[in-house]
C-alpha atoms as a PDB file:
ATOM      1  CA  MET A   1       0.000   0.000   0.000  1.00  0.00           C
ATOM      2  CA  LEU A   2       1.323   3.428  -0.955  1.00  0.00           C
ATOM      3  CA  GLU A   3       2.663   5.332   2.049  1.00  0.00           C
ATOM      4  CA  ILE A   4       1.919   9.050   2.122  1.00  0.00           C
ATOM      5  CA  ALA A   5       4.308  11.520   3.710  1.00  0.00           C
ATOM      6  CA  ILE A   6       4.639  15.307   3.774  1.00  0.00           C
ATOM      7  CA  MET A   7       7.594  17.337   2.485  1.00  0.00           C
ATOM      8  CA  ILE A   8       8.192  21.016   3.230  1.00  0.00           C
ATOM      9  CA  GLU A   9      10.635  23.555   1.832  1.00  0.00           C
ATOM     10  CA  GLY A  10      12.793  24.571   4.788  1.00  0.00           C
ATOM     11  CA  GLN A  11      14.041  27.744   3.083  1.00  0.00           C
ATOM     12  CA  ASN A  12      10.505  28.998   2.571  1.00  0.00           C
ATOM     13  CA  GLY A  13       9.978  30.705   5.922  1.00  0.00           C
ATOM     14  CA  LEU A  14      10.518  27.800   8.316  1.00  0.00           C
ATOM     15  CA  THR A  15      10.770  28.859  11.970  1.00  0.00           C
ATOM     16  CA  TRP A  16      10.752  26.848  15.187  1.00  0.00           C
ATOM     17  CA  SER A  17       7.065  27.496  15.829  1.00  0.00           C
ATOM     18  CA  ARG A  18       6.091  26.430  12.313  1.00  0.00           C
ATOM     19  CA  TRP A  19       8.325  23.344  12.381  1.00  0.00           C
ATOM     20  CA  GLN A  20       6.980  22.203  15.736  1.00  0.00           C
ATOM     21  CA  SER A  21       3.365  22.718  14.707  1.00  0.00           C
ATOM     22  CA  ILE A  22       3.802  20.890  11.395  1.00  0.00           C
ATOM     23  CA  ALA A  23       5.648  17.986  13.039  1.00  0.00           C
ATOM     24  CA  ARG A  24       2.932  17.467  15.616  1.00  0.00           C
ATOM     25  CA  ALA A  25       0.235  17.645  12.956  1.00  0.00           C
ATOM     26  CA  VAL A  26       1.958  15.142  10.646  1.00  0.00           C
ATOM     27  CA  GLU A  27       2.451  12.738  13.554  1.00  0.00           C
ATOM     28  CA  ASP A  28      -1.089  13.088  14.900  1.00  0.00           C
ATOM     29  CA  LEU A  29      -2.853  12.969  11.518  1.00  0.00           C
ATOM     30  CA  GLY A  30      -1.331   9.634  10.519  1.00  0.00           C
ATOM     31  CA  PHE A  31       1.040  10.538   7.690  1.00  0.00           C
ATOM     32  CA  ALA A  32       3.941   8.123   7.219  1.00  0.00           C
ATOM     33  CA  GLY A  33       6.679  10.721   7.524  1.00  0.00           C
ATOM     34  CA  LEU A  34       7.912  14.290   7.392  1.00  0.00           C
ATOM     35  CA  TYR A  35      10.758  15.411   5.142  1.00  0.00           C
ATOM     36  CA  ARG A  36      12.329  18.785   4.414  1.00  0.00           C
ATOM     37  CA  SER A  37      14.765  20.434   2.059  1.00  0.00           C
ATOM     38  CA  ASP A  38      18.277  21.495   3.082  1.00  0.00           C
ATOM     39  CA  HIS A  39      18.974  25.016   1.839  1.00  0.00           C
ATOM     40  CA  PHE A  40      20.515  28.166   3.249  1.00  0.00           C
ATOM     41  CA  THR A  41      18.078  30.361   1.354  1.00  0.00           C
ATOM     42  CA  ASN A  42      15.887  30.611  -1.737  1.00  0.00           C
ATOM     43  CA  ALA A  43      17.036  30.262  -5.312  1.00  0.00           C
ATOM     44  CA  GLN A  44      15.527  33.708  -5.989  1.00  0.00           C
ATOM     45  CA  PRO A  45      15.113  36.633  -3.586  1.00  0.00           C
ATOM     46  CA  PRO A  46      13.617  37.608  -1.241  1.00  0.00           C
ATOM     47  CA  ASP A  47      15.418  35.652   1.440  1.00  0.00           C
ATOM     48  CA  LYS A  48      13.172  34.042   4.056  1.00  0.00           C
ATOM     49  CA  ASP A  49      13.648  32.295   7.378  1.00  0.00           C
ATOM     50  CA  SER A  50      15.387  28.943   6.926  1.00  0.00           C
ATOM     51  CA  LEU A  51      15.685  26.819  10.053  1.00  0.00           C
ATOM     52  CA  GLU A  52      18.955  24.864  10.073  1.00  0.00           C
ATOM     53  CA  LEU A  53      18.414  21.298   8.883  1.00  0.00           C
ATOM     54  CA  TRP A  54      20.319  19.173  11.374  1.00  0.00           C
ATOM     55  CA  VAL A  55      19.221  21.143  14.414  1.00  0.00           C
ATOM     56  CA  SER A  56      15.591  20.788  13.319  1.00  0.00           C
ATOM     57  CA  LEU A  57      15.967  17.038  12.700  1.00  0.00           C
ATOM     58  CA  THR A  58      17.552  16.510  16.103  1.00  0.00           C
ATOM     59  CA  TRP A  59      14.533  18.158  17.717  1.00  0.00           C
ATOM     60  CA  LEU A  60      12.216  16.040  15.564  1.00  0.00           C
ATOM     61  CA  ALA A  61      13.968  12.810  16.561  1.00  0.00           C
ATOM     62  CA  SER A  62      13.276  13.396  20.247  1.00  0.00           C
ATOM     63  CA  HIS A  63       9.828  15.018  19.989  1.00  0.00           C
ATOM     64  CA  THR A  64       8.025  12.517  17.759  1.00  0.00           C
ATOM     65  CA  ASN A  65       7.409   8.822  18.295  1.00  0.00           C
ATOM     66  CA  ARG A  66       6.169   7.306  15.051  1.00  0.00           C
ATOM     67  CA  ILE A  67       6.919   9.151  11.825  1.00  0.00           C
ATOM     68  CA  GLU A  68       9.949   8.564   9.619  1.00  0.00           C
ATOM     69  CA  PHE A  69      11.865  11.658   8.557  1.00  0.00           C
ATOM     70  CA  GLY A  70      14.954  13.053   6.877  1.00  0.00           C
ATOM     71  CA  PRO A  71      16.339  15.556   4.376  1.00  0.00           C
ATOM     72  CA  LEU A  72      15.290  15.689   0.720  1.00  0.00           C
ATOM     73  CA  VAL A  73      18.155  16.070   0.209  1.00  0.00           C
ATOM     74  CA  SER A  74      21.301  17.154   2.026  1.00  0.00           C
ATOM     75  CA  PRO A  75      24.046  18.200  -0.441  1.00  0.00           C
ATOM     76  CA  VAL A  76      27.686  17.195  -0.190  1.00  0.00           C
ATOM     77  CA  SER A  77      28.506  20.557  -1.781  1.00  0.00           C
ATOM     78  CA  PHE A  78      28.210  22.356   1.580  1.00  0.00           C
ATOM     79  CA  ARG A  79      28.040  19.408   4.009  1.00  0.00           C
ATOM     80  CA  HIS A  80      31.311  17.538   4.488  1.00  0.00           C
ATOM     81  CA  PRO A  81      30.526  13.795   4.317  1.00  0.00           C
ATOM     82  CA  ALA A  82      32.342  13.019   7.580  1.00  0.00           C
ATOM     83  CA  PHE A  83      30.128  15.461   9.471  1.00  0.00           C
ATOM     84  CA  THR A  84      27.048  14.200   7.637  1.00  0.00           C
ATOM     85  CA  ALA A  85      27.790  10.578   8.564  1.00  0.00           C
ATOM     86  CA  ARG A  86      28.362  11.478  12.223  1.00  0.00           C
ATOM     87  CA  MET A  87      25.194  13.546  12.519  1.00  0.00           C
ATOM     88  CA  ALA A  88      23.086  11.015  10.620  1.00  0.00           C
ATOM     89  CA  ALA A  89      24.145   8.143  12.884  1.00  0.00           C
ATOM     90  CA  ALA A  90      23.438  10.198  16.003  1.00  0.00           C
ATOM     91  CA  VAL A  91      20.018  11.429  14.853  1.00  0.00           C
ATOM     92  CA  ASP A  92      19.007   7.934  13.771  1.00  0.00           C
ATOM     93  CA  ASP A  93      20.000   6.540  17.168  1.00  0.00           C
ATOM     94  CA  LEU A  94      18.119   9.311  18.966  1.00  0.00           C
ATOM     95  CA  SER A  95      14.956   8.579  16.971  1.00  0.00           C
ATOM     96  CA  GLY A  96      15.065   4.824  17.486  1.00  0.00           C
ATOM     97  CA  GLY A  97      15.828   4.094  13.823  1.00  0.00           C
ATOM     98  CA  ARG A  98      13.270   6.328  12.074  1.00  0.00           C
ATOM     99  CA  PHE A  99      15.719   8.502  10.162  1.00  0.00           C
ATOM    100  CA  THR A 100      16.515   8.286   6.432  1.00  0.00           C
ATOM    101  CA  LEU A 101      19.632  10.052   5.159  1.00  0.00           C
ATOM    102  CA  GLY A 102      18.742  11.749   1.880  1.00  0.00           C
ATOM    103  CA  LEU A 103      21.794  12.834  -0.111  1.00  0.00           C
ATOM    104  CA  GLY A 104      22.344  14.927  -3.225  1.00  0.00           C
ATOM    105  CA  ALA A 105      25.049  16.671  -5.228  1.00  0.00           C
ATOM    106  CA  GLY A 106      23.785  20.223  -4.672  1.00  0.00           C
ATOM    107  CA  TRP A 107      22.234  22.447  -7.320  1.00  0.00           C
ATOM    108  CA  GLN A 108      21.205  25.891  -6.113  1.00  0.00           C
ATOM    109  CA  GLU A 109      23.733  28.419  -7.358  1.00  0.00           C
ATOM    110  CA  ARG A 110      22.582  31.400  -5.321  1.00  0.00           C
ATOM    111  CA  GLU A 111      23.082  29.898  -1.856  1.00  0.00           C
ATOM    112  CA  HIS A 112      26.542  28.622  -2.772  1.00  0.00           C
ATOM    113  CA  SER A 113      27.560  32.045  -4.016  1.00  0.00           C
ATOM    114  CA  LEU A 114      26.113  33.912  -1.023  1.00  0.00           C
ATOM    115  CA  PHE A 115      27.732  31.688   1.592  1.00  0.00           C
ATOM    116  CA  GLY A 116      31.037  30.974  -0.123  1.00  0.00           C
ATOM    117  CA  PHE A 117      30.685  27.355  -1.231  1.00  0.00           C
ATOM    118  CA  ASP A 118      31.980  26.083  -4.571  1.00  0.00           C
ATOM    119  CA  LEU A 119      29.151  24.393  -6.472  1.00  0.00           C
ATOM    120  CA  LEU A 120      31.494  23.312  -9.329  1.00  0.00           C
ATOM    121  CA  ASP A 121      30.511  22.476 -12.897  1.00  0.00           C
ATOM    122  CA  VAL A 122      28.025  19.654 -13.332  1.00  0.00           C
ATOM    123  CA  LYS A 123      30.531  16.871 -14.066  1.00  0.00           C
ATOM    124  CA  SER A 124      32.820  17.828 -11.188  1.00  0.00           C
ATOM    125  CA  ARG A 125      29.818  18.229  -8.905  1.00  0.00           C
ATOM    126  CA  PHE A 126      28.730  14.653  -9.539  1.00  0.00           C
ATOM    127  CA  ASP A 127      32.300  13.382  -9.225  1.00  0.00           C
ATOM    128  CA  ARG A 128      32.405  15.002  -5.775  1.00  0.00           C
ATOM    129  CA  PHE A 129      28.993  13.553  -4.953  1.00  0.00           C
ATOM    130  CA  GLU A 130      30.208  10.050  -5.822  1.00  0.00           C
ATOM    131  CA  GLU A 131      33.202  10.493  -3.512  1.00  0.00           C
ATOM    132  CA  GLY A 132      30.915  11.786  -0.775  1.00  0.00           C
ATOM    133  CA  LEU A 133      28.648   8.759  -1.096  1.00  0.00           C
ATOM    134  CA  ASP A 134      31.669   6.475  -0.856  1.00  0.00           C
ATOM    135  CA  VAL A 135      32.947   8.226   2.276  1.00  0.00           C
ATOM    136  CA  ILE A 136      29.566   8.292   4.031  1.00  0.00           C
ATOM    137  CA  THR A 137      28.701   4.662   3.344  1.00  0.00           C
ATOM    138  CA  ARG A 138      32.147   3.448   4.381  1.00  0.00           C
ATOM    139  CA  LEU A 139      32.058   5.360   7.651  1.00  0.00           C
ATOM    140  CA  LEU A 140      28.566   4.130   8.484  1.00  0.00           C
ATOM    141  CA  LYS A 141      29.026   0.505   7.488  1.00  0.00           C
ATOM    142  CA  SER A 142      32.620  -0.292   8.454  1.00  0.00           C
ATOM    143  CA  ASP A 143      33.569  -1.311  11.993  1.00  0.00           C
ATOM    144  CA  GLN A 144      37.214  -0.998  10.970  1.00  0.00           C
ATOM    145  CA  PRO A 145      39.147   2.259  10.414  1.00  0.00           C
ATOM    146  CA  VAL A 146      38.502   3.747   6.977  1.00  0.00           C
ATOM    147  CA  SER A 147      41.045   5.315   4.631  1.00  0.00           C
ATOM    148  CA  PHE A 148      40.034   7.137   1.452  1.00  0.00           C
ATOM    149  CA  ASP A 149      42.188   9.102  -0.964  1.00  0.00           C
ATOM    150  CA  GLY A 150      39.956  11.055  -3.321  1.00  0.00           C
ATOM    151  CA  LYS A 151      40.219  14.311  -5.203  1.00  0.00           C
ATOM    152  CA  TYR A 152      37.723  16.053  -2.931  1.00  0.00           C
ATOM    153  CA  PHE A 153      37.777  14.061   0.316  1.00  0.00           C
ATOM    154  CA  GLN A 154      40.447  12.160   2.233  1.00  0.00           C
ATOM    155  CA  LEU A 155      40.313   9.891   5.279  1.00  0.00           C
ATOM    156  CA  ARG A 156      43.244   8.483   7.244  1.00  0.00           C
ATOM    157  CA  GLU A 157      42.268   5.487   9.387  1.00  0.00           C
ATOM    158  CA  ALA A 158      39.045   7.230  10.412  1.00  0.00           C
ATOM    159  CA  THR A 159      36.605   5.458  12.720  1.00  0.00           C
ATOM    160  CA  LEU A 160      33.051   6.589  13.389  1.00  0.00           C
ATOM    161  CA  LEU A 161      32.366   6.172  17.126  1.00  0.00           C
ATOM    162  CA  PRO A 162      30.057   5.362  18.698  1.00  0.00           C
ATOM    163  CA  ARG A 163      29.021   2.878  16.077  1.00  0.00           C
ATOM    164  CA  PRO A 164      25.446   3.322  14.774  1.00  0.00           C
ATOM    165  CA  GLN A 165      22.909   1.310  16.751  1.00  0.00           C
ATOM    166  CA  ARG A 166      21.279   0.240  13.499  1.00  0.00           C
ATOM    167  CA  PRO A 167      23.656  -2.155  11.681  1.00  0.00           C
ATOM    168  CA  GLY A 168      25.155  -0.207   8.787  1.00  0.00           C
ATOM    169  CA  GLY A 169      23.625   3.026   9.990  1.00  0.00           C
ATOM    170  CA  PRO A 170      20.505   4.802   8.707  1.00  0.00           C
ATOM    171  CA  ARG A 171      18.951   4.103   5.331  1.00  0.00           C
ATOM    172  CA  ILE A 172      20.598   6.003   2.482  1.00  0.00           C
ATOM    173  CA  LEU A 173      18.277   7.787   0.059  1.00  0.00           C
ATOM    174  CA  ILE A 174      19.487   9.312  -3.187  1.00  0.00           C
ATOM    175  CA  GLY A 175      17.252  11.879  -4.835  1.00  0.00           C
ATOM    176  CA  GLY A 176      17.046  12.766  -8.518  1.00  0.00           C
ATOM    177  CA  ASN A 177      15.900  11.549 -11.913  1.00  0.00           C
ATOM    178  CA  GLY A 178      19.142  11.290 -13.882  1.00  0.00           C
ATOM    179  CA  GLU A 179      19.496   7.952 -15.643  1.00  0.00           C
ATOM    180  CA  LYS A 180      23.214   8.152 -16.392  1.00  0.00           C
ATOM    181  CA  ARG A 181      24.683   8.923 -12.982  1.00  0.00           C
ATOM    182  CA  THR A 182      21.966   9.295 -10.339  1.00  0.00           C
ATOM    183  CA  LEU A 183      20.352   5.903 -10.905  1.00  0.00           C
ATOM    184  CA  SER A 184      23.769   4.244 -11.078  1.00  0.00           C
ATOM    185  CA  TYR A 185      24.594   5.738  -7.670  1.00  0.00           C
ATOM    186  CA  VAL A 186      21.297   4.438  -6.301  1.00  0.00           C
ATOM    187  CA  ALA A 187      22.156   0.942  -7.525  1.00  0.00           C
ATOM    188  CA  ARG A 188      25.567   1.066  -5.826  1.00  0.00           C
ATOM    189  CA  TYR A 189      24.965   2.974  -2.615  1.00  0.00           C
ATOM    190  CA  ALA A 190      21.309   3.518  -1.740  1.00  0.00           C
ATOM    191  CA  ASP A 191      18.484   1.847   0.135  1.00  0.00           C
ATOM    192  CA  GLU A 192      15.916   4.166  -1.433  1.00  0.00           C
ATOM    193  CA  TRP A 193      15.498   6.045  -4.703  1.00  0.00           C
ATOM    194  CA  ASN A 194      13.585   9.311  -4.450  1.00  0.00           C
ATOM    195  CA  ALA A 195      12.315  10.505  -7.811  1.00  0.00           C
ATOM    196  CA  VAL A 196      11.288  14.133  -8.271  1.00  0.00           C
ATOM    197  CA  TYR A 197       8.151  15.364 -10.070  1.00  0.00           C
ATOM    198  CA  LEU A 198       7.624  12.490 -12.518  1.00  0.00           C
ATOM    199  CA  PRO A 199       4.314  11.541 -14.166  1.00  0.00           C
ATOM    200  CA  LYS A 200       3.423   7.883 -13.737  1.00  0.00           C
ATOM    201  CA  ASP A 201       4.580   6.607 -17.141  1.00  0.00           C
ATOM    202  CA  GLU A 202       7.973   8.287 -16.865  1.00  0.00           C
ATOM    203  CA  PHE A 203       8.357   7.056 -13.302  1.00  0.00           C
ATOM    204  CA  ALA A 204       7.574   3.499 -14.434  1.00  0.00           C
ATOM    205  CA  ARG A 205      10.193   3.671 -17.192  1.00  0.00           C
ATOM    206  CA  ARG A 206      12.969   4.901 -14.925  1.00  0.00           C
ATOM    207  CA  ASN A 207      11.875   2.506 -12.224  1.00  0.00           C
ATOM    208  CA  ALA A 208      12.364  -0.383 -14.632  1.00  0.00           C
ATOM    209  CA  ARG A 209      15.781   0.976 -15.564  1.00  0.00           C
ATOM    210  CA  LEU A 210      16.762   1.011 -11.897  1.00  0.00           C
ATOM    211  CA  ASP A 211      15.732  -2.649 -11.640  1.00  0.00           C
ATOM    212  CA  GLU A 212      18.189  -3.447 -14.435  1.00  0.00           C
ATOM    213  CA  LEU A 213      21.007  -1.530 -12.762  1.00  0.00           C
ATOM    214  CA  LEU A 214      20.375  -3.211  -9.412  1.00  0.00           C
ATOM    215  CA  ARG A 215      20.489  -6.668 -10.979  1.00  0.00           C
ATOM    216  CA  ALA A 216      23.758  -5.743 -12.699  1.00  0.00           C
ATOM    217  CA  GLN A 217      25.154  -4.928  -9.238  1.00  0.00           C
ATOM    218  CA  GLY A 218      23.967  -8.291  -7.918  1.00  0.00           C
ATOM    219  CA  ARG A 219      21.271  -6.659  -5.803  1.00  0.00           C
ATOM    220  CA  ASP A 220      17.639  -7.648  -5.434  1.00  0.00           C
ATOM    221  CA  PRO A 221      15.498  -4.830  -6.888  1.00  0.00           C
ATOM    222  CA  LYS A 222      13.129  -5.284  -3.945  1.00  0.00           C
ATOM    223  CA  SER A 223      15.912  -4.214  -1.593  1.00  0.00           C
ATOM    224  CA  VAL A 224      15.580  -0.571  -2.695  1.00  0.00           C
ATOM    225  CA  ARG A 225      12.484   1.383  -1.777  1.00  0.00           C
ATOM    226  CA  ARG A 226      10.948   3.606  -4.483  1.00  0.00           C
ATOM    227  CA  SER A 227       9.669   6.998  -3.378  1.00  0.00           C
ATOM    228  CA  MET A 228       8.937  10.316  -5.024  1.00  0.00           C
ATOM    229  CA  MET A 229       8.793  13.934  -3.913  1.00  0.00           C
ATOM    230  CA  THR A 230       6.243  15.822  -5.945  1.00  0.00           C
ATOM    231  CA  GLY A 231       4.127  18.947  -5.907  1.00  0.00           C
ATOM    232  CA  LEU A 232       0.574  19.075  -4.640  1.00  0.00           C
ATOM    233  CA  ARG A 233      -2.374  21.327  -5.431  1.00  0.00           C
ATOM    234  CA  PHE A 234      -5.176  20.226  -3.113  1.00  0.00           C
ATOM    235  CA  GLY A 235      -8.520  21.801  -2.409  1.00  0.00           C
ATOM    236  CA  LYS A 236     -11.169  20.829   0.131  1.00  0.00           C
ATOM    237  CA  THR A 237     -13.704  21.763  -2.555  1.00  0.00           C
ATOM    238  CA  LYS A 238     -13.579  22.218  -6.315  1.00  0.00           C
ATOM    239  CA  LYS A 239     -14.157  25.952  -5.843  1.00  0.00           C
ATOM    240  CA  GLU A 240     -11.180  26.263  -3.503  1.00  0.00           C
ATOM    241  CA  LEU A 241      -8.958  24.275  -5.866  1.00  0.00           C
ATOM    242  CA  ASN A 242      -9.928  26.438  -8.840  1.00  0.00           C
ATOM    243  CA  ARG A 243      -9.171  29.561  -6.808  1.00  0.00           C
ATOM    244  CA  GLN A 244      -5.684  28.257  -5.959  1.00  0.00           C
ATOM    245  CA  LEU A 245      -4.951  27.469  -9.596  1.00  0.00           C
ATOM    246  CA  ALA A 246      -6.253  30.837 -10.796  1.00  0.00           C
ATOM    247  CA  GLU A 247      -4.105  32.713  -8.263  1.00  0.00           C
ATOM    248  CA  ARG A 248      -1.007  31.002  -9.693  1.00  0.00           C
ATOM    249  CA  ASN A 249      -2.229  31.164 -13.306  1.00  0.00           C
ATOM    250  CA  GLN A 250      -1.953  27.382 -13.523  1.00  0.00           C
ATOM    251  CA  LYS A 251      -3.907  24.678 -15.325  1.00  0.00           C
ATOM    252  CA  ALA A 252      -4.604  21.341 -13.662  1.00  0.00           C
ATOM    253  CA  ASP A 253      -3.861  19.187 -16.721  1.00  0.00           C
ATOM    254  CA  HIS A 254      -0.560  20.953 -17.362  1.00  0.00           C
ATOM    255  CA  LEU A 255       0.529  20.435 -13.759  1.00  0.00           C
ATOM    256  CA  ARG A 256      -0.408  16.754 -13.870  1.00  0.00           C
ATOM    257  CA  SER A 257       1.656  16.315 -17.032  1.00  0.00           C
ATOM    258  CA  ARG A 258       4.659  17.524 -15.002  1.00  0.00           C
ATOM    259  CA  GLY A 259       4.024  15.035 -12.204  1.00  0.00           C
ATOM    260  CA  VAL A 260       2.176  17.352  -9.816  1.00  0.00           C
ATOM    261  CA  VAL A 261      -0.731  15.810  -7.900  1.00  0.00           C
ATOM    262  CA  VAL A 262      -3.801  18.020  -8.394  1.00  0.00           C
ATOM    263  CA  GLY A 263      -7.382  17.782  -7.207  1.00  0.00           C
ATOM    264  CA  VAL A 264      -9.896  17.343  -4.446  1.00  0.00           C
ATOM    265  CA  GLY A 265      -9.910  14.165  -2.370  1.00  0.00           C
ATOM    266  CA  GLY A 266     -11.104  11.621  -4.922  1.00  0.00           C
ATOM    267  CA  GLU A 267      -8.965  13.051  -7.716  1.00  0.00           C
ATOM    268  CA  VAL A 268      -5.864  13.010  -5.538  1.00  0.00           C
ATOM    269  CA  LYS A 269      -6.561   9.392  -4.563  1.00  0.00           C
ATOM    270  CA  LYS A 270      -6.884   8.405  -8.215  1.00  0.00           C
ATOM    271  CA  GLN A 271      -3.507   9.913  -9.139  1.00  0.00           C
ATOM    272  CA  LEU A 272      -1.810   8.333  -6.143  1.00  0.00           C
ATOM    273  CA  LEU A 273      -3.272   4.933  -7.015  1.00  0.00           C
ATOM    274  CA  ALA A 274      -1.883   5.256 -10.556  1.00  0.00           C
ATOM    275  CA  LEU A 275       1.582   5.990  -9.145  1.00  0.00           C
ATOM    276  CA  GLU A 276       1.320   3.000  -6.839  1.00  0.00           C
ATOM    277  CA  LYS A 277       0.486   0.751  -9.793  1.00  0.00           C
ATOM    278  CA  ALA A 278       3.584   2.131 -11.551  1.00  0.00           C
ATOM    279  CA  GLY A 279       5.723   0.867  -8.659  1.00  0.00           C
ATOM    280  CA  LEU A 280       5.810   3.791  -6.228  1.00  0.00           C
ATOM    281  CA  GLN A 281       5.950   2.778  -2.563  1.00  0.00           C
ATOM    282  CA  ARG A 282       6.050   6.160  -0.797  1.00  0.00           C
ATOM    283  CA  VAL A 283       5.123   9.658  -1.918  1.00  0.00           C
ATOM    284  CA  MET A 284       6.303  12.859  -0.247  1.00  0.00           C
ATOM    285  CA  LEU A 285       3.701  15.505  -1.049  1.00  0.00           C
ATOM    286  CA  GLN A 286       5.125  19.023  -1.078  1.00  0.00           C
ATOM    287  CA  TRP A 287       3.169  21.217   1.356  1.00  0.00           C
ATOM    288  CA  LEU A 288       4.028  24.827   0.566  1.00  0.00           C
ATOM    289  CA  ASP A 289       1.841  26.798   2.987  1.00  0.00           C
ATOM    290  CA  LEU A 290       3.622  26.274   6.294  1.00  0.00           C
ATOM    291  CA  ASP A 291       0.770  27.858   8.285  1.00  0.00           C
ATOM    292  CA  ASP A 292      -2.115  25.945   6.678  1.00  0.00           C
ATOM    293  CA  LEU A 293      -2.641  23.214   9.259  1.00  0.00           C
ATOM    294  CA  ASP A 294      -6.380  23.155   8.544  1.00  0.00           C
ATOM    295  CA  GLY A 295      -5.605  22.254   4.947  1.00  0.00           C
ATOM    296  CA  LEU A 296      -3.184  19.561   6.079  1.00  0.00           C
ATOM    297  CA  THR A 297      -5.929  18.139   8.295  1.00  0.00           C
ATOM    298  CA  ALA A 298      -8.366  18.151   5.385  1.00  0.00           C
ATOM    299  CA  LEU A 299      -5.825  16.389   3.180  1.00  0.00           C
ATOM    300  CA  ALA A 300      -5.328  13.662   5.770  1.00  0.00           C
ATOM    301  CA  ARG A 301      -9.062  13.110   6.111  1.00  0.00           C
ATOM    302  CA  ALA A 302      -9.484  12.983   2.335  1.00  0.00           C
ATOM    303  CA  ILE A 303      -6.722  10.540   1.400  1.00  0.00           C
ATOM    304  CA  LEU A 304      -5.429   8.578   4.378  1.00  0.00           C
END
């Protein structure tokens, strides 16, 4: 059965009061999980409040009891993999094994420029990402000291202590749609593939491609969970939905063609069922209005 989680954009005005309210609502309403982006600020001005990722996840680990959670995704472009591995193991332990470590190469040029991080060209960025994945997985999975001599990262007999309580550490999620590099990294390093904004037919095609890559690595395709983060336009009534679309000058059919879930309760259910039939196991629905807890409640009642 398709699991339904909520995803929020942390750079879109997230404060402690909003984060705490959303977390409690997601837990109480019965959603499977809560995920958030990892950004310093927005891709375009104006800048808004952006609660720091790892501090917020540490709070979440100790103030919720049921939901799974994690970043979608944390970039190696401004997070050194040694720090990421250490924090991920600690947060997972604190939560009792509910944390998923979502990782990415980084993409947003503005935040890297503003805060002095080198995003690199696309090829170099993915080369660095591959090294980061190697470092993180080795540190989490190896009980022996780890050495690594890469272009971007180096380790010298490094040991991650205390060892993660979960054997091998938290689940590794890799986000993205790229068939050439991203899916190959999923097949080699990940426990979960998180697609982004794909309509069902395109998701099914890339999902089948991932099966092929996993078999080539000697892995059972069933060992990797398939999830997707996608946009949502939901209305409690048709009138409310039409108002939302008109305010953004958007058309429902166009949004659906881009993978966005659009509709009132029954329409949303129909789209989610189609994604489930295409092989999706968990969906992270992007909830943009951080203050609209009434809408989140209505969504839960309509589709859970």
